[in-house]
Amino acid sequence: MISDELLKPLEELRDCAICPRECHVNRFETAKGICRSDPSFNIASICIHKGEEPVISGPQGICNIFFTNCNLQCVYCQNYQISDITIPRASFRMSLEKVVSEVTAILDRGINMVGFVSPSHFIPQMKIIIQTVKHAGYSPVWVYNSNGYDKAETLKSLEGLIDVYLPDFKYMDTQLALSLSKAGDYPTIAASAIKEMYRQKGSALHLSNGNTAESGIVIRHLVLPGQVQNSLQVLRYIAEEISPKLHISLMSQYYPTDRVMEHPFLNRELYREEYDKVVEEMEDLGLEHGWIQGFESTAHYRPDFEQDHPFEN
């Protein structure tokens, strides 16, 4: 039986201000906030995912929990099937018992990492999942994989719960953030959030004997077509204002979905010379820790959340 004490974190959602949008809606009565989410466990998929960074997925993969909706609404999102707030979500609601059953079944297969994908607007539910899985006798590495649009104050409540932070750092260009993600304050918010993650974890990435991450931060940045200057600004900010010792995952995997085919610059794939210029800046800044992607990566990482296994199509 699920106790009231276990569900206590959900009380925050009666006046929801857990993410930077600070909508202050009662999610028990309405789903009218920016993310259009209620207090349920709105999860699109719990699956084994072999992701972009070898220290995150390792040879076996990571158990990823994909939350629905998003507190950003990036026009180019590759996960729009589950992130778009205009799509009804009733079919994606799970009971806590089902969530825990699916997670522990994957952990029983020898996988020891659990990632929460797009958790910024579901942090109370995330805390409950962590607590329940722990009570079931499991101690995986917990990975917080967010879009970077996180409230630093909320992140402070995760200290001691989250082992590895895996945030995006999408923009330093405020106009770009406003036009593509409806968040002109993204650069300020993401910088503050990542500084809080850095306060908790420092710059070192601690690895297990199997070379998978046990504690630390990996910052992801996706290079967008025609927006090299934004990428250079992001890297400079990390190196000069946070730490050049942080691990960076510099991604070239952008591909245009059907939704951006009429967009003036998002309607094409990234040019190799654009990515190479950002890689060169990364090296010049002394950001020596991390990963770059093979340029053919645009043909991979295209999930289909209408399938039982969205990354196996």
Protein backbone atom coordinates (compact mmCIF):
# COMPACT_ATOMS: atom_id res chain seq x y z
CA MET A 1 0.00 0.00 0.00
CA ILE A 2 1.29 3.48 -0.89
CA SER A 3 1.45 5.73 2.17
CA ASP A 4 0.49 9.39 2.34
CA GLU A 5 4.00 10.12 3.59
CA LEU A 6 5.52 8.64 0.44
CA LEU A 7 3.34 10.87 -1.75
CA LYS A 8 4.06 14.01 0.29
CA PRO A 9 6.36 15.56 -2.38
CA LEU A 10 3.33 15.89 -4.66
CA GLU A 11 1.94 18.59 -2.36
CA GLU A 12 4.29 21.05 -4.08
CA LEU A 13 2.11 20.71 -7.17
CA ARG A 14 -0.86 22.38 -5.47
CA ASP A 15 0.92 25.68 -6.15
CA CYS A 16 3.40 24.59 -8.75
CA ALA A 17 6.59 26.63 -8.98
CA ILE A 18 9.10 23.80 -9.29
CA CYS A 19 10.51 24.96 -12.65
CA PRO A 20 11.53 28.44 -13.84
CA ARG A 21 8.09 29.07 -15.39
CA GLU A 22 6.61 29.37 -11.88
CA CYS A 23 3.03 28.98 -13.14
CA HIS A 24 1.56 28.68 -9.61
CA VAL A 25 -1.28 26.45 -10.82
CA ASN A 26 -2.84 23.70 -8.74
CA ARG A 27 -1.99 20.65 -10.83
CA PHE A 28 -4.48 18.56 -8.83
CA GLU A 29 -7.29 20.70 -10.22
CA THR A 30 -6.05 21.75 -13.65
CA ALA A 31 -3.35 21.05 -16.21
CA LYS A 32 -3.22 24.65 -17.43
CA GLY A 33 0.39 25.40 -16.59
CA ILE A 34 3.00 25.87 -19.30
CA CYS A 35 3.76 22.14 -19.29
CA ARG A 36 0.06 21.12 -19.24
CA SER A 37 0.87 18.42 -16.67
CA ASP A 38 -1.16 17.08 -13.76
CA PRO A 39 0.19 15.30 -10.64
CA SER A 40 0.18 11.84 -12.26
CA PHE A 41 3.18 9.79 -13.28
CA ASN A 42 3.06 10.86 -16.93
CA ILE A 43 5.65 8.62 -18.52
CA ALA A 44 5.91 7.79 -22.21
CA SER A 45 8.48 5.03 -21.99
CA ILE A 46 10.70 3.11 -19.60
CA CYS A 47 13.32 1.40 -21.70
CA ILE A 48 16.95 0.46 -22.10
CA HIS A 49 18.69 3.20 -24.01
CA LYS A 50 22.21 3.19 -25.40
CA GLY A 51 22.80 6.89 -25.58
CA GLU A 52 25.41 9.28 -26.87
CA GLU A 53 28.01 9.20 -24.09
CA PRO A 54 29.76 5.90 -23.28
CA VAL A 55 30.06 6.75 -19.57
CA ILE A 56 26.29 7.16 -19.32
CA SER A 57 25.03 4.11 -21.16
CA GLY A 58 28.06 1.83 -21.02
CA PRO A 59 27.98 -1.43 -22.97
CA GLN A 60 24.62 -2.52 -21.54
CA GLY A 61 22.69 0.75 -21.69
CA ILE A 62 20.82 2.78 -19.12
CA CYS A 63 17.25 2.39 -17.87
CA ASN A 64 15.69 5.66 -19.03
CA ILE A 65 12.37 7.02 -17.82
CA PHE A 66 10.95 9.41 -20.41
CA PHE A 67 8.51 11.92 -18.92
CA THR A 68 5.94 13.53 -21.19
CA ASN A 69 5.38 17.19 -22.03
CA CYS A 70 8.13 19.73 -21.43
CA ASN A 71 8.61 23.10 -19.77
CA LEU A 72 10.35 24.19 -22.97
CA GLN A 73 8.66 23.77 -26.33
CA CYS A 74 11.60 23.70 -28.72
CA VAL A 75 10.32 23.87 -32.28
CA TYR A 76 12.97 21.37 -33.44
CA CYS A 77 12.54 18.76 -30.68
CA GLN A 78 13.27 15.22 -31.87
CA ASN A 79 11.02 13.86 -29.10
CA TYR A 80 8.01 15.96 -30.09
CA GLN A 81 5.78 12.87 -30.00
CA ILE A 82 5.97 13.01 -26.21
CA SER A 83 7.07 16.59 -25.50
CA ASP A 84 4.42 18.51 -27.45
CA ILE A 85 1.91 19.87 -24.90
CA THR A 86 -0.91 19.86 -27.48
CA ILE A 87 -1.00 16.04 -27.67
CA PRO A 88 -3.35 14.34 -25.13
CA ARG A 89 -1.42 12.36 -22.51
CA ALA A 90 -3.99 10.12 -20.78
CA SER A 91 -2.53 7.01 -22.43
CA PHE A 92 0.88 7.77 -20.92
CA ARG A 93 -0.21 7.78 -17.27
CA MET A 94 1.37 5.02 -15.20
CA SER A 95 0.75 3.88 -11.66
CA LEU A 96 3.69 4.12 -9.28
CA GLU A 97 3.58 0.35 -8.90
CA LYS A 98 3.94 -0.14 -12.67
CA VAL A 99 6.81 2.37 -12.87
CA VAL A 100 8.73 0.63 -10.10
CA SER A 101 8.00 -2.82 -11.56
CA GLU A 102 9.35 -1.85 -14.98
CA VAL A 103 12.43 -0.11 -13.56
CA THR A 104 13.37 -2.96 -11.23
CA ALA A 105 12.84 -5.53 -13.99
CA ILE A 106 15.50 -3.71 -16.04
CA LEU A 107 17.81 -3.39 -13.04
CA ASP A 108 17.49 -7.13 -12.50
CA ARG A 109 19.04 -7.59 -15.95
CA GLY A 110 22.33 -6.20 -14.63
CA ILE A 111 21.89 -2.55 -15.60
CA ASN A 112 22.75 -0.23 -12.73
CA MET A 113 21.87 3.24 -14.00
CA VAL A 114 18.46 4.93 -14.09
CA GLY A 115 18.02 8.15 -16.03
CA PHE A 116 15.16 10.62 -15.75
CA VAL A 117 14.66 12.32 -19.12
CA SER A 118 12.94 15.74 -19.13
CA PRO A 119 12.24 15.66 -15.38
CA SER A 120 12.22 19.42 -14.64
CA HIS A 121 8.42 19.59 -14.33
CA PHE A 122 8.09 16.18 -12.65
CA ILE A 123 10.61 16.45 -9.82
CA PRO A 124 8.18 15.46 -7.01
CA GLN A 125 7.23 12.32 -8.95
CA MET A 126 10.91 11.65 -9.59
CA LYS A 127 11.69 11.85 -5.87
CA ILE A 128 8.93 9.35 -5.13
CA ILE A 129 10.26 6.91 -7.75
CA ILE A 130 13.77 7.15 -6.29
CA GLN A 131 12.52 6.57 -2.75
CA THR A 132 10.32 3.62 -3.75
CA VAL A 133 13.03 1.88 -5.79
CA LYS A 134 15.45 2.32 -2.89
CA HIS A 135 12.91 0.81 -0.48
CA ALA A 136 12.71 -2.17 -2.83
CA GLY A 137 16.40 -2.81 -2.15
CA TYR A 138 18.04 -1.27 -5.25
CA SER A 139 20.81 1.31 -5.35
CA PRO A 140 21.37 2.35 -8.97
CA VAL A 141 23.21 5.43 -10.16
CA TRP A 142 20.55 8.12 -10.61
CA VAL A 143 20.97 10.38 -13.66
CA TYR A 144 19.15 13.70 -14.05
CA ASN A 145 18.91 14.35 -17.81
CA SER A 146 17.30 17.74 -18.34
CA ASN A 147 17.00 20.48 -20.94
CA GLY A 148 18.92 22.81 -18.62
CA TYR A 149 15.85 24.98 -17.96
CA ASP A 150 15.89 24.12 -14.27
CA LYS A 151 15.26 26.19 -11.19
CA ALA A 152 18.43 26.32 -9.08
CA GLU A 153 16.42 26.40 -5.86
CA THR A 154 14.66 23.17 -6.85
CA LEU A 155 17.97 21.55 -7.77
CA LYS A 156 19.23 22.21 -4.25
CA SER A 157 16.56 19.80 -2.99
CA LEU A 158 18.15 17.06 -5.12
CA GLU A 159 21.53 17.20 -3.42
CA GLY A 160 22.29 13.73 -2.13
CA LEU A 161 19.62 12.15 -4.35
CA ILE A 162 21.05 12.63 -7.85
CA ASP A 163 24.41 11.06 -8.66
CA VAL A 164 25.00 12.36 -12.19
CA TYR A 165 23.69 15.55 -13.77
CA LEU A 166 23.30 15.44 -17.55
CA PRO A 167 21.93 18.86 -18.54
CA ASP A 168 21.67 20.52 -21.91
CA PHE A 169 23.15 23.98 -22.30
CA LYS A 170 21.30 25.06 -25.42
CA TYR A 171 21.68 28.81 -25.76
CA MET A 172 23.59 31.91 -24.75
CA ASP A 173 21.70 33.92 -27.39
CA THR A 174 18.55 35.25 -25.70
CA GLN A 175 16.69 35.99 -28.95
CA LEU A 176 17.42 32.51 -30.25
CA ALA A 177 16.16 31.00 -27.00
CA LEU A 178 12.99 33.08 -27.22
CA SER A 179 12.24 32.26 -30.84
CA LEU A 180 13.06 28.54 -30.71
CA SER A 181 12.04 27.61 -27.15
CA LYS A 182 9.81 30.44 -25.89
CA ALA A 183 12.31 31.13 -23.11
CA GLY A 184 14.27 34.34 -23.54
CA ASP A 185 15.65 33.89 -20.02
CA TYR A 186 17.12 30.46 -20.87
CA PRO A 187 20.78 31.61 -20.84
CA THR A 188 20.48 33.07 -17.35
CA ILE A 189 18.40 30.20 -15.98
CA ALA A 190 20.57 27.44 -17.45
CA ALA A 191 23.78 29.13 -16.29
CA SER A 192 22.42 29.37 -12.75
CA ALA A 193 21.20 25.75 -12.83
CA ILE A 194 24.50 24.36 -14.07
CA LYS A 195 26.41 26.39 -11.50
CA GLU A 196 24.25 24.76 -8.82
CA MET A 197 24.96 21.33 -10.28
CA TYR A 198 28.66 22.24 -10.27
CA ARG A 199 28.43 23.36 -6.63
CA GLN A 200 27.07 19.93 -5.75
CA LYS A 201 29.39 17.80 -7.86
CA GLY A 202 32.47 19.80 -8.81
CA SER A 203 34.20 19.26 -12.13
CA ALA A 204 35.42 15.68 -11.66
CA LEU A 205 33.50 12.83 -13.27
CA HIS A 206 33.92 9.76 -11.08
CA LEU A 207 33.81 6.43 -12.90
CA SER A 208 33.17 2.87 -11.77
CA ASN A 209 35.49 0.00 -12.56
CA GLY A 210 33.35 -0.57 -15.63
CA ASN A 211 34.02 3.02 -16.75
CA THR A 212 30.47 4.23 -16.25
CA ALA A 213 29.72 7.43 -14.39
CA GLU A 214 29.01 7.21 -10.68
CA SER A 215 29.06 10.91 -9.80
CA GLY A 216 29.56 14.21 -11.60
CA ILE A 217 28.30 16.36 -14.46
CA VAL A 218 28.25 15.99 -18.22
CA ILE A 219 26.97 19.02 -20.16
CA ARG A 220 25.37 18.39 -23.53
CA HIS A 221 25.29 20.96 -26.31
CA LEU A 222 23.60 20.39 -29.65
CA VAL A 223 25.04 22.47 -32.48
CA LEU A 224 22.20 23.91 -34.57
CA PRO A 225 22.49 24.71 -38.29
CA GLY A 226 23.35 28.32 -38.95
CA GLN A 227 23.93 29.07 -35.26
CA VAL A 228 27.66 28.55 -34.77
CA GLN A 229 28.06 31.80 -32.83
CA ASN A 230 25.56 30.64 -30.23
CA SER A 231 27.54 27.42 -29.76
CA LEU A 232 30.80 29.31 -29.41
CA GLN A 233 29.22 31.54 -26.75
CA VAL A 234 27.98 28.54 -24.80
CA LEU A 235 31.42 26.93 -24.77
CA ARG A 236 33.11 30.17 -23.80
CA TYR A 237 30.73 30.66 -20.91
CA ILE A 238 31.38 27.16 -19.59
CA ALA A 239 35.15 27.51 -19.85
CA GLU A 240 35.41 31.06 -18.52
CA GLU A 241 32.56 31.29 -15.99
CA ILE A 242 32.20 27.76 -14.62
CA SER A 243 35.17 25.44 -15.26
CA PRO A 244 37.24 24.27 -18.27
CA LYS A 245 37.56 20.90 -16.52
CA LEU A 246 33.91 20.00 -16.99
CA HIS A 247 32.98 17.17 -19.35
CA ILE A 248 31.24 18.34 -22.51
CA SER A 249 29.23 16.23 -24.93
CA LEU A 250 29.25 18.19 -28.18
CA MET A 251 26.54 16.83 -30.43
CA SER A 252 26.26 16.94 -34.20
CA GLN A 253 23.12 14.81 -34.38
CA TYR A 254 20.63 17.55 -35.28
CA TYR A 255 18.15 16.57 -37.97
CA PRO A 256 15.14 18.54 -39.24
CA THR A 257 11.82 17.00 -38.30
CA ASP A 258 8.78 17.48 -40.51
CA ARG A 259 7.75 20.34 -38.23
CA VAL A 260 10.61 22.63 -39.27
CA MET A 261 10.73 22.04 -43.02
CA GLU A 262 9.53 25.61 -43.59
CA HIS A 263 11.86 27.15 -41.02
CA PRO A 264 14.49 29.53 -42.46
CA PHE A 265 17.53 27.78 -40.96
CA LEU A 266 16.35 24.69 -39.08
CA ASN A 267 15.11 23.03 -42.27
CA ARG A 268 18.47 21.43 -43.06
CA GLU A 269 21.08 19.24 -41.43
CA LEU A 270 24.20 20.66 -39.87
CA TYR A 271 27.13 21.36 -42.21
CA ARG A 272 30.37 19.61 -41.37
CA GLU A 273 32.30 22.89 -41.41
CA GLU A 274 29.89 24.34 -38.84
CA TYR A 275 30.50 21.49 -36.44
CA ASP A 276 34.25 21.50 -37.07
CA LYS A 277 34.41 25.20 -36.15
CA VAL A 278 32.74 24.52 -32.82
CA VAL A 279 35.03 21.55 -32.15
CA GLU A 280 38.04 23.80 -32.87
CA GLU A 281 36.79 26.38 -30.36
CA MET A 282 36.24 23.66 -27.78
CA GLU A 283 39.87 22.63 -28.13
CA ASP A 284 41.14 26.22 -28.10
CA LEU A 285 39.27 26.90 -24.84
CA GLY A 286 40.97 23.95 -23.16
CA LEU A 287 37.76 21.96 -22.80
CA GLU A 288 39.65 18.71 -23.04
CA HIS A 289 37.23 16.43 -21.23
CA GLY A 290 34.27 14.97 -23.05
CA TRP A 291 33.13 13.71 -26.40
CA ILE A 292 32.50 14.80 -29.95
CA GLN A 293 30.16 12.93 -32.27
CA GLY A 294 30.82 11.33 -35.59
CA PHE A 295 29.21 13.47 -38.23
CA GLU A 296 27.08 10.55 -39.40
CA SER A 297 25.22 10.71 -36.07
CA THR A 298 22.37 12.64 -37.68
CA ALA A 299 21.19 9.29 -39.09
CA HIS A 300 20.90 7.84 -35.57
CA TYR A 301 19.05 8.76 -32.36
CA ARG A 302 15.67 9.11 -34.06
CA PRO A 303 13.20 7.65 -31.58
CA ASP A 304 9.67 6.56 -32.38
CA PHE A 305 7.60 6.68 -29.20
CA GLU A 306 4.70 4.96 -30.91
CA GLN A 307 6.77 1.76 -30.65
CA ASP A 308 7.28 -0.32 -27.50
CA HIS A 309 11.03 0.16 -27.90
CA PRO A 310 11.39 3.71 -29.29
CA PHE A 311 15.12 3.48 -30.04
CA GLU A 312 15.04 0.15 -31.84
CA ASN A 313 13.47 1.15 -35.15
